[in-house]
Amino acid sequence: MGILEVKGVNKRFGGLQALGDVNLSVKENTVHAIIGPNGAGKSTLLNCLVGKLIPDTGSVMFDGQSVLGCKPHQINQMGISRVFQTPEIFSDLTVLENIMIPCFAKRDGSFRLHAFESFAQEKDILEKAEAILEDVNMADKRHMHSASMSRGDKRRLEMAMCLVQEPRLLLLDEPTAGMARADTNNTIDLLKQINDQRDITMCIIEHDMHVVFSLADRITVLAQGRPLVEDAPENIKGNPKVQEAYLGEVAA
């Protein structure tokens, strides 16, 4: 049994069957990619995994606990963090301040914020944030305001904000979208480092097949809201069903 178990999930929006009988098992400490053509149901599935959408039928369990109907702060407390397609950071704060923000979240989802001048008094939080900065190779940018950073650095910062929460499962929604190839390769290296050093399970939705095949231990392919095939990466690229779904995109 995996740390994340999806069983018999169905979701309709009016007359549209967005997800049809989806089953998914993500093993602990692995990288599991979910791919598929546009409209395959990837984002709908991801929203079900974080409790944002409740399936019409089926279950989503993380470490034996249902996520259905959970609020975002409850999802975080369970040990699940999410990286969005567009980096969600505080653009008027510095890199270091952004990383410290999650440390001030209360169990009810509210924040016990102080003026940033007093942050230095929270020695344990400051030290934790500084350590994360070193881990993601952003120590030299600690006092930079995030609004002035490249998309690649903003993505790296968002991942650091997730890491400071010490998640067991990291969900990534197209983590390299809109990036130049150099930033994409840097993101791949960072995700490999996180997976190797922190034993964090990852579930990735991604269109860039270079990213998918560089990272994934297991791949699930969705087509028209239904699982088409699940297999190891080396068996996915040449699978005729996958090639047909992508009209040759995967094999290119």
C-alpha atoms as a PDB file:
ATOM      1  CA  MET A   1       0.000   0.000   0.000  1.00  0.00           C
ATOM      2  CA  GLY A   2       1.239   3.492  -0.878  1.00  0.00           C
ATOM      3  CA  ILE A   3       1.447   6.564   1.309  1.00  0.00           C
ATOM      4  CA  LEU A   4      -1.139   8.120  -1.042  1.00  0.00           C
ATOM      5  CA  GLU A   5      -4.055   5.933  -2.148  1.00  0.00           C
ATOM      6  CA  VAL A   6      -6.734   7.008  -4.638  1.00  0.00           C
ATOM      7  CA  LYS A   7      -9.544   4.503  -5.147  1.00  0.00           C
ATOM      8  CA  GLY A   8     -12.483   4.646  -7.542  1.00  0.00           C
ATOM      9  CA  VAL A   9     -12.518   8.445  -7.874  1.00  0.00           C
ATOM     10  CA  ASN A  10     -15.157   9.893 -10.175  1.00  0.00           C
ATOM     11  CA  LYS A  11     -15.868  13.597 -10.718  1.00  0.00           C
ATOM     12  CA  ARG A  12     -18.359  15.238 -13.051  1.00  0.00           C
ATOM     13  CA  PHE A  13     -18.898  18.888 -13.887  1.00  0.00           C
ATOM     14  CA  GLY A  14     -22.387  18.982 -15.355  1.00  0.00           C
ATOM     15  CA  GLY A  15     -22.275  16.756 -18.428  1.00  0.00           C
ATOM     16  CA  LEU A  16     -18.482  16.476 -18.394  1.00  0.00           C
ATOM     17  CA  GLN A  17     -16.890  13.388 -16.872  1.00  0.00           C
ATOM     18  CA  ALA A  18     -13.633  14.949 -15.641  1.00  0.00           C
ATOM     19  CA  LEU A  19     -12.432  11.837 -13.806  1.00  0.00           C
ATOM     20  CA  GLY A  20     -13.646   8.292 -14.344  1.00  0.00           C
ATOM     21  CA  ASP A  21     -12.818   5.474 -11.937  1.00  0.00           C
ATOM     22  CA  VAL A  22      -9.300   6.714 -11.152  1.00  0.00           C
ATOM     23  CA  ASN A  23      -7.095   4.501  -9.012  1.00  0.00           C
ATOM     24  CA  LEU A  24      -3.626   5.588  -7.973  1.00  0.00           C
ATOM     25  CA  SER A  25      -1.075   4.331  -5.464  1.00  0.00           C
ATOM     26  CA  VAL A  26       2.001   6.449  -4.704  1.00  0.00           C
ATOM     27  CA  LYS A  27       4.752   4.607  -2.843  1.00  0.00           C
ATOM     28  CA  GLU A  28       6.602   6.359  -0.040  1.00  0.00           C
ATOM     29  CA  ASN A  29       9.895   8.127  -0.915  1.00  0.00           C
ATOM     30  CA  THR A  30       9.278   7.847  -4.674  1.00  0.00           C
ATOM     31  CA  VAL A  31       8.589  10.380  -7.422  1.00  0.00           C
ATOM     32  CA  HIS A  32       5.293   9.604  -9.166  1.00  0.00           C
ATOM     33  CA  ALA A  33       4.387  11.595 -12.277  1.00  0.00           C
ATOM     34  CA  ILE A  34       0.863  12.102 -13.602  1.00  0.00           C
ATOM     35  CA  ILE A  35       0.835  13.002 -17.279  1.00  0.00           C
ATOM     36  CA  GLY A  36      -1.677  13.236 -20.093  1.00  0.00           C
ATOM     37  CA  PRO A  37      -2.881  15.474 -22.923  1.00  0.00           C
ATOM     38  CA  ASN A  38      -4.681  18.741 -22.208  1.00  0.00           C
ATOM     39  CA  GLY A  39      -8.090  18.033 -20.707  1.00  0.00           C
ATOM     40  CA  ALA A  40      -7.051  14.614 -19.416  1.00  0.00           C
ATOM     41  CA  GLY A  41      -8.122  15.441 -15.848  1.00  0.00           C
ATOM     42  CA  LYS A  42      -4.712  16.031 -14.265  1.00  0.00           C
ATOM     43  CA  SER A  43      -5.557  19.299 -12.500  1.00  0.00           C
ATOM     44  CA  THR A  44      -8.927  17.965 -11.361  1.00  0.00           C
ATOM     45  CA  LEU A  45      -7.176  14.957  -9.827  1.00  0.00           C
ATOM     46  CA  LEU A  46      -4.593  17.163  -8.115  1.00  0.00           C
ATOM     47  CA  ASN A  47      -7.364  19.297  -6.617  1.00  0.00           C
ATOM     48  CA  CYS A  48      -8.938  16.121  -5.249  1.00  0.00           C
ATOM     49  CA  LEU A  49      -5.605  15.117  -3.699  1.00  0.00           C
ATOM     50  CA  VAL A  50      -5.459  18.325  -1.644  1.00  0.00           C
ATOM     51  CA  GLY A  51      -9.118  18.344  -0.633  1.00  0.00           C
ATOM     52  CA  LYS A  52      -9.979  21.330  -2.824  1.00  0.00           C
ATOM     53  CA  LEU A  53     -12.471  19.220  -4.793  1.00  0.00           C
ATOM     54  CA  ILE A  54     -14.584  16.426  -3.352  1.00  0.00           C
ATOM     55  CA  PRO A  55     -15.113  13.514  -5.774  1.00  0.00           C
ATOM     56  CA  ASP A  56     -18.633  12.353  -6.537  1.00  0.00           C
ATOM     57  CA  THR A  57     -17.524   8.864  -5.539  1.00  0.00           C
ATOM     58  CA  GLY A  58     -14.297   7.270  -4.350  1.00  0.00           C
ATOM     59  CA  SER A  59     -11.696   7.974  -1.685  1.00  0.00           C
ATOM     60  CA  VAL A  60      -8.369   9.791  -1.327  1.00  0.00           C
ATOM     61  CA  MET A  61      -6.265   8.633   1.624  1.00  0.00           C
ATOM     62  CA  PHE A  62      -2.923   9.954   2.823  1.00  0.00           C
ATOM     63  CA  ASP A  63      -1.160   7.669   5.264  1.00  0.00           C
ATOM     64  CA  GLY A  64      -4.509   6.080   6.114  1.00  0.00           C
ATOM     65  CA  GLN A  65      -6.340   9.378   6.644  1.00  0.00           C
ATOM     66  CA  SER A  66      -8.934  10.851   4.275  1.00  0.00           C
ATOM     67  CA  VAL A  67      -8.137  14.251   2.766  1.00  0.00           C
ATOM     68  CA  LEU A  68     -11.634  14.823   1.416  1.00  0.00           C
ATOM     69  CA  GLY A  69     -13.108  18.077   2.638  1.00  0.00           C
ATOM     70  CA  CYS A  70      -9.966  19.085   4.528  1.00  0.00           C
ATOM     71  CA  LYS A  71      -9.038  22.761   4.663  1.00  0.00           C
ATOM     72  CA  PRO A  72      -5.602  23.870   3.378  1.00  0.00           C
ATOM     73  CA  HIS A  73      -4.099  24.232   6.859  1.00  0.00           C
ATOM     74  CA  GLN A  74      -5.354  20.746   7.757  1.00  0.00           C
ATOM     75  CA  ILE A  75      -3.701  19.360   4.623  1.00  0.00           C
ATOM     76  CA  ASN A  76      -0.430  21.017   5.682  1.00  0.00           C
ATOM     77  CA  GLN A  77      -0.716  19.597   9.190  1.00  0.00           C
ATOM     78  CA  MET A  78      -1.117  16.120   7.700  1.00  0.00           C
ATOM     79  CA  GLY A  79       2.248  16.562   6.003  1.00  0.00           C
ATOM     80  CA  ILE A  80       1.205  17.547   2.477  1.00  0.00           C
ATOM     81  CA  SER A  81       2.543  20.641   0.711  1.00  0.00           C
ATOM     82  CA  ARG A  82       1.673  21.897  -2.770  1.00  0.00           C
ATOM     83  CA  VAL A  83       3.634  23.856  -5.352  1.00  0.00           C
ATOM     84  CA  PHE A  84       1.326  25.704  -7.750  1.00  0.00           C
ATOM     85  CA  GLN A  85       1.729  26.375 -11.490  1.00  0.00           C
ATOM     86  CA  THR A  86       2.251  30.067 -10.739  1.00  0.00           C
ATOM     87  CA  PRO A  87       4.611  30.547  -7.775  1.00  0.00           C
ATOM     88  CA  GLU A  88       2.637  31.712  -4.730  1.00  0.00           C
ATOM     89  CA  ILE A  89       5.012  33.925  -2.798  1.00  0.00           C
ATOM     90  CA  PHE A  90       4.858  37.266  -1.002  1.00  0.00           C
ATOM     91  CA  SER A  91       6.381  39.598  -3.574  1.00  0.00           C
ATOM     92  CA  ASP A  92       6.812  42.510  -1.158  1.00  0.00           C
ATOM     93  CA  LEU A  93       8.884  40.416   1.262  1.00  0.00           C
ATOM     94  CA  THR A  94      12.478  39.270   1.087  1.00  0.00           C
ATOM     95  CA  VAL A  95      13.458  35.684   0.348  1.00  0.00           C
ATOM     96  CA  LEU A  96      14.262  35.024   4.012  1.00  0.00           C
ATOM     97  CA  GLU A  97      10.982  36.547   5.195  1.00  0.00           C
ATOM     98  CA  ASN A  98       9.029  34.406   2.728  1.00  0.00           C
ATOM     99  CA  ILE A  99      10.614  31.234   4.076  1.00  0.00           C
ATOM    100  CA  MET A 100       9.896  32.247   7.675  1.00  0.00           C
ATOM    101  CA  ILE A 101       6.201  32.962   7.042  1.00  0.00           C
ATOM    102  CA  PRO A 102       4.989  29.304   7.172  1.00  0.00           C
ATOM    103  CA  CYS A 103       6.655  28.853  10.557  1.00  0.00           C
ATOM    104  CA  PHE A 104       4.177  31.298  12.076  1.00  0.00           C
ATOM    105  CA  ALA A 105       1.050  29.382  11.055  1.00  0.00           C
ATOM    106  CA  LYS A 106      -1.221  28.282  13.888  1.00  0.00           C
ATOM    107  CA  ARG A 107      -3.067  24.969  13.964  1.00  0.00           C
ATOM    108  CA  ASP A 108      -6.320  26.709  12.951  1.00  0.00           C
ATOM    109  CA  GLY A 109      -4.710  28.131   9.806  1.00  0.00           C
ATOM    110  CA  SER A 110      -4.342  31.687  11.097  1.00  0.00           C
ATOM    111  CA  PHE A 111      -0.982  33.374  11.630  1.00  0.00           C
ATOM    112  CA  ARG A 112       0.772  34.665  14.718  1.00  0.00           C
ATOM    113  CA  LEU A 113       2.652  37.377  12.823  1.00  0.00           C
ATOM    114  CA  HIS A 114       4.979  39.847  14.460  1.00  0.00           C
ATOM    115  CA  ALA A 115       6.582  42.857  12.852  1.00  0.00           C
ATOM    116  CA  PHE A 116       9.506  41.618  10.771  1.00  0.00           C
ATOM    117  CA  GLU A 117      11.859  43.588  13.008  1.00  0.00           C
ATOM    118  CA  SER A 118      11.106  41.065  15.750  1.00  0.00           C
ATOM    119  CA  PHE A 119      11.655  38.005  13.551  1.00  0.00           C
ATOM    120  CA  ALA A 120      15.302  37.910  14.591  1.00  0.00           C
ATOM    121  CA  GLN A 121      14.147  37.219  18.144  1.00  0.00           C
ATOM    122  CA  GLU A 122      12.667  33.929  16.940  1.00  0.00           C
ATOM    123  CA  LYS A 123      16.104  32.338  16.849  1.00  0.00           C
ATOM    124  CA  ASP A 124      14.950  28.801  16.157  1.00  0.00           C
ATOM    125  CA  ILE A 125      12.798  29.899  13.212  1.00  0.00           C
ATOM    126  CA  LEU A 126      15.551  32.082  11.825  1.00  0.00           C
ATOM    127  CA  GLU A 127      18.073  29.256  12.012  1.00  0.00           C
ATOM    128  CA  LYS A 128      15.639  26.857  10.339  1.00  0.00           C
ATOM    129  CA  ALA A 129      14.993  29.298   7.504  1.00  0.00           C
ATOM    130  CA  GLU A 130      18.710  29.953   7.029  1.00  0.00           C
ATOM    131  CA  ALA A 131      19.359  26.196   6.805  1.00  0.00           C
ATOM    132  CA  ILE A 132      16.672  25.822   4.130  1.00  0.00           C
ATOM    133  CA  LEU A 133      18.240  28.673   2.168  1.00  0.00           C
ATOM    134  CA  GLU A 134      21.538  26.791   2.157  1.00  0.00           C
ATOM    135  CA  ASP A 135      19.794  23.598   1.045  1.00  0.00           C
ATOM    136  CA  VAL A 136      18.194  25.267  -1.983  1.00  0.00           C
ATOM    137  CA  ASN A 137      21.294  27.322  -2.860  1.00  0.00           C
ATOM    138  CA  MET A 138      19.655  30.680  -2.198  1.00  0.00           C
ATOM    139  CA  ALA A 139      21.703  31.874   0.789  1.00  0.00           C
ATOM    140  CA  ASP A 140      23.189  34.697  -1.282  1.00  0.00           C
ATOM    141  CA  LYS A 141      19.650  35.938  -2.100  1.00  0.00           C
ATOM    142  CA  ARG A 142      18.307  35.992   1.468  1.00  0.00           C
ATOM    143  CA  HIS A 143      17.766  39.773   1.512  1.00  0.00           C
ATOM    144  CA  MET A 144      16.537  40.095  -2.087  1.00  0.00           C
ATOM    145  CA  HIS A 145      12.900  41.058  -2.575  1.00  0.00           C
ATOM    146  CA  SER A 146      11.188  38.195  -4.349  1.00  0.00           C
ATOM    147  CA  ALA A 147       9.405  40.441  -6.862  1.00  0.00           C
ATOM    148  CA  SER A 148      12.710  41.077  -8.632  1.00  0.00           C
ATOM    149  CA  MET A 149      13.669  37.408  -9.036  1.00  0.00           C
ATOM    150  CA  SER A 150      13.486  35.201 -12.127  1.00  0.00           C
ATOM    151  CA  ARG A 151      10.671  32.665 -12.451  1.00  0.00           C
ATOM    152  CA  GLY A 152      13.148  29.879 -11.746  1.00  0.00           C
ATOM    153  CA  ASP A 153      14.251  31.511  -8.483  1.00  0.00           C
ATOM    154  CA  LYS A 154      10.638  32.196  -7.511  1.00  0.00           C
ATOM    155  CA  ARG A 155       9.890  28.519  -8.000  1.00  0.00           C
ATOM    156  CA  ARG A 156      12.936  27.593  -5.926  1.00  0.00           C
ATOM    157  CA  LEU A 157      11.724  29.953  -3.204  1.00  0.00           C
ATOM    158  CA  GLU A 158       8.251  28.429  -3.221  1.00  0.00           C
ATOM    159  CA  MET A 159       9.778  24.983  -2.786  1.00  0.00           C
ATOM    160  CA  ALA A 160      11.832  26.309   0.127  1.00  0.00           C
ATOM    161  CA  MET A 161       8.610  27.603   1.717  1.00  0.00           C
ATOM    162  CA  CYS A 162       7.228  24.075   1.429  1.00  0.00           C
ATOM    163  CA  LEU A 163      10.382  22.442   2.807  1.00  0.00           C
ATOM    164  CA  VAL A 164      10.388  24.575   5.951  1.00  0.00           C
ATOM    165  CA  GLN A 165       7.053  22.886   6.813  1.00  0.00           C
ATOM    166  CA  GLU A 166       8.827  19.485   6.698  1.00  0.00           C
ATOM    167  CA  PRO A 167       6.258  17.757   4.454  1.00  0.00           C
ATOM    168  CA  ARG A 168       6.094  14.033   3.836  1.00  0.00           C
ATOM    169  CA  LEU A 169       4.356  14.501   0.465  1.00  0.00           C
ATOM    170  CA  LEU A 170       5.101  17.288  -2.012  1.00  0.00           C
ATOM    171  CA  LEU A 171       2.575  17.846  -4.813  1.00  0.00           C
ATOM    172  CA  LEU A 172       3.938  19.810  -7.757  1.00  0.00           C
ATOM    173  CA  ASP A 173       1.693  21.257 -10.460  1.00  0.00           C
ATOM    174  CA  GLU A 174       3.875  21.827 -13.552  1.00  0.00           C
ATOM    175  CA  PRO A 175       6.895  23.019 -11.541  1.00  0.00           C
ATOM    176  CA  THR A 176       8.845  24.041 -14.665  1.00  0.00           C
ATOM    177  CA  ALA A 177       6.048  25.818 -16.551  1.00  0.00           C
ATOM    178  CA  GLY A 178       7.257  28.961 -18.312  1.00  0.00           C
ATOM    179  CA  MET A 179      10.920  28.365 -17.471  1.00  0.00           C
ATOM    180  CA  ALA A 180      13.949  28.620 -19.708  1.00  0.00           C
ATOM    181  CA  ARG A 181      15.790  25.320 -20.189  1.00  0.00           C
ATOM    182  CA  ALA A 182      18.576  26.302 -17.795  1.00  0.00           C
ATOM    183  CA  ASP A 183      16.052  27.032 -15.023  1.00  0.00           C
ATOM    184  CA  THR A 184      14.240  23.789 -15.841  1.00  0.00           C
ATOM    185  CA  ASN A 185      17.446  21.772 -15.446  1.00  0.00           C
ATOM    186  CA  ASN A 186      18.219  23.560 -12.175  1.00  0.00           C
ATOM    187  CA  THR A 187      14.740  22.683 -10.916  1.00  0.00           C
ATOM    188  CA  ILE A 188      15.239  19.039 -11.869  1.00  0.00           C
ATOM    189  CA  ASP A 189      18.515  18.975  -9.926  1.00  0.00           C
ATOM    190  CA  LEU A 190      16.852  20.592  -6.904  1.00  0.00           C
ATOM    191  CA  LEU A 191      13.983  18.084  -6.894  1.00  0.00           C
ATOM    192  CA  LYS A 192      16.426  15.184  -7.138  1.00  0.00           C
ATOM    193  CA  GLN A 193      18.355  16.638  -4.218  1.00  0.00           C
ATOM    194  CA  ILE A 194      15.195  17.042  -2.140  1.00  0.00           C
ATOM    195  CA  ASN A 195      14.057  13.501  -2.867  1.00  0.00           C
ATOM    196  CA  ASP A 196      17.474  12.023  -2.088  1.00  0.00           C
ATOM    197  CA  GLN A 197      18.315  14.014   1.036  1.00  0.00           C
ATOM    198  CA  ARG A 198      14.931  14.462   2.681  1.00  0.00           C
ATOM    199  CA  ASP A 199      13.071  11.275   1.727  1.00  0.00           C
ATOM    200  CA  ILE A 200      10.066  13.323   0.611  1.00  0.00           C
ATOM    201  CA  THR A 201       7.526  11.566  -1.573  1.00  0.00           C
ATOM    202  CA  MET A 202       6.645  13.593  -4.663  1.00  0.00           C
ATOM    203  CA  CYS A 203       3.680  13.557  -7.013  1.00  0.00           C
ATOM    204  CA  ILE A 204       4.240  15.676 -10.124  1.00  0.00           C
ATOM    205  CA  ILE A 205       1.926  16.892 -12.867  1.00  0.00           C
ATOM    206  CA  GLU A 206       4.062  17.997 -15.779  1.00  0.00           C
ATOM    207  CA  HIS A 207       3.865  18.509 -19.551  1.00  0.00           C
ATOM    208  CA  ASP A 208       7.623  18.627 -20.122  1.00  0.00           C
ATOM    209  CA  MET A 209       8.615  15.034 -20.809  1.00  0.00           C
ATOM    210  CA  HIS A 210      12.276  15.860 -20.197  1.00  0.00           C
ATOM    211  CA  VAL A 211      11.325  16.672 -16.601  1.00  0.00           C
ATOM    212  CA  VAL A 212       9.107  13.606 -16.237  1.00  0.00           C
ATOM    213  CA  PHE A 213      11.654  11.098 -17.488  1.00  0.00           C
ATOM    214  CA  SER A 214      14.456  12.750 -15.528  1.00  0.00           C
ATOM    215  CA  LEU A 215      12.635  12.434 -12.207  1.00  0.00           C
ATOM    216  CA  ALA A 216       9.867   9.859 -12.135  1.00  0.00           C
ATOM    217  CA  ASP A 217      10.110   6.387 -10.637  1.00  0.00           C
ATOM    218  CA  ARG A 218       6.571   5.653 -11.793  1.00  0.00           C
ATOM    219  CA  ILE A 219       4.248   7.311 -14.307  1.00  0.00           C
ATOM    220  CA  THR A 220       0.464   7.312 -14.554  1.00  0.00           C
ATOM    221  CA  VAL A 221      -0.984   8.417 -17.888  1.00  0.00           C
ATOM    222  CA  LEU A 222      -4.487   9.898 -17.934  1.00  0.00           C
ATOM    223  CA  ALA A 223      -6.614  10.261 -21.062  1.00  0.00           C
ATOM    224  CA  GLN A 224     -10.111  11.716 -21.078  1.00  0.00           C
ATOM    225  CA  GLY A 225     -10.274  11.511 -17.298  1.00  0.00           C
ATOM    226  CA  ARG A 226      -9.376   7.838 -17.042  1.00  0.00           C
ATOM    227  CA  PRO A 227      -6.128   6.016 -16.276  1.00  0.00           C
ATOM    228  CA  LEU A 228      -4.684   4.825 -19.570  1.00  0.00           C
ATOM    229  CA  VAL A 229      -1.573   3.086 -18.310  1.00  0.00           C
ATOM    230  CA  GLU A 230       0.720   3.078 -15.275  1.00  0.00           C
ATOM    231  CA  ASP A 231       4.276   1.841 -15.605  1.00  0.00           C
ATOM    232  CA  ALA A 232       7.962   2.534 -15.100  1.00  0.00           C
ATOM    233  CA  PRO A 233       9.343   5.397 -17.242  1.00  0.00           C
ATOM    234  CA  GLU A 234      11.328   3.095 -19.518  1.00  0.00           C
ATOM    235  CA  ASN A 235       8.094   1.338 -20.527  1.00  0.00           C
ATOM    236  CA  ILE A 236       5.990   4.458 -21.045  1.00  0.00           C
ATOM    237  CA  LYS A 237       7.767   6.196 -23.918  1.00  0.00           C
ATOM    238  CA  GLY A 238       7.296   3.364 -26.399  1.00  0.00           C
ATOM    239  CA  ASN A 239       3.805   2.367 -25.292  1.00  0.00           C
ATOM    240  CA  PRO A 240       1.488   2.591 -28.342  1.00  0.00           C
ATOM    241  CA  LYS A 241      -1.481   3.694 -26.186  1.00  0.00           C
ATOM    242  CA  VAL A 242       0.532   6.597 -24.835  1.00  0.00           C
ATOM    243  CA  GLN A 243       1.782   7.557 -28.290  1.00  0.00           C
ATOM    244  CA  GLU A 244      -1.777   7.549 -29.601  1.00  0.00           C
ATOM    245  CA  ALA A 245      -3.025   9.700 -26.685  1.00  0.00           C
ATOM    246  CA  TYR A 246      -0.264  12.230 -27.263  1.00  0.00           C
ATOM    247  CA  LEU A 247      -0.326  11.985 -31.069  1.00  0.00           C
ATOM    248  CA  GLY A 248       3.378  11.126 -30.913  1.00  0.00           C
ATOM    249  CA  GLU A 249       4.340  13.872 -28.457  1.00  0.00           C
ATOM    250  CA  VAL A 250       5.827  11.534 -25.854  1.00  0.00           C
ATOM    251  CA  ALA A 251       7.951   9.614 -28.313  1.00  0.00           C
ATOM    252  CA  ALA A 252       9.366  12.765 -29.908  1.00  0.00           C
END
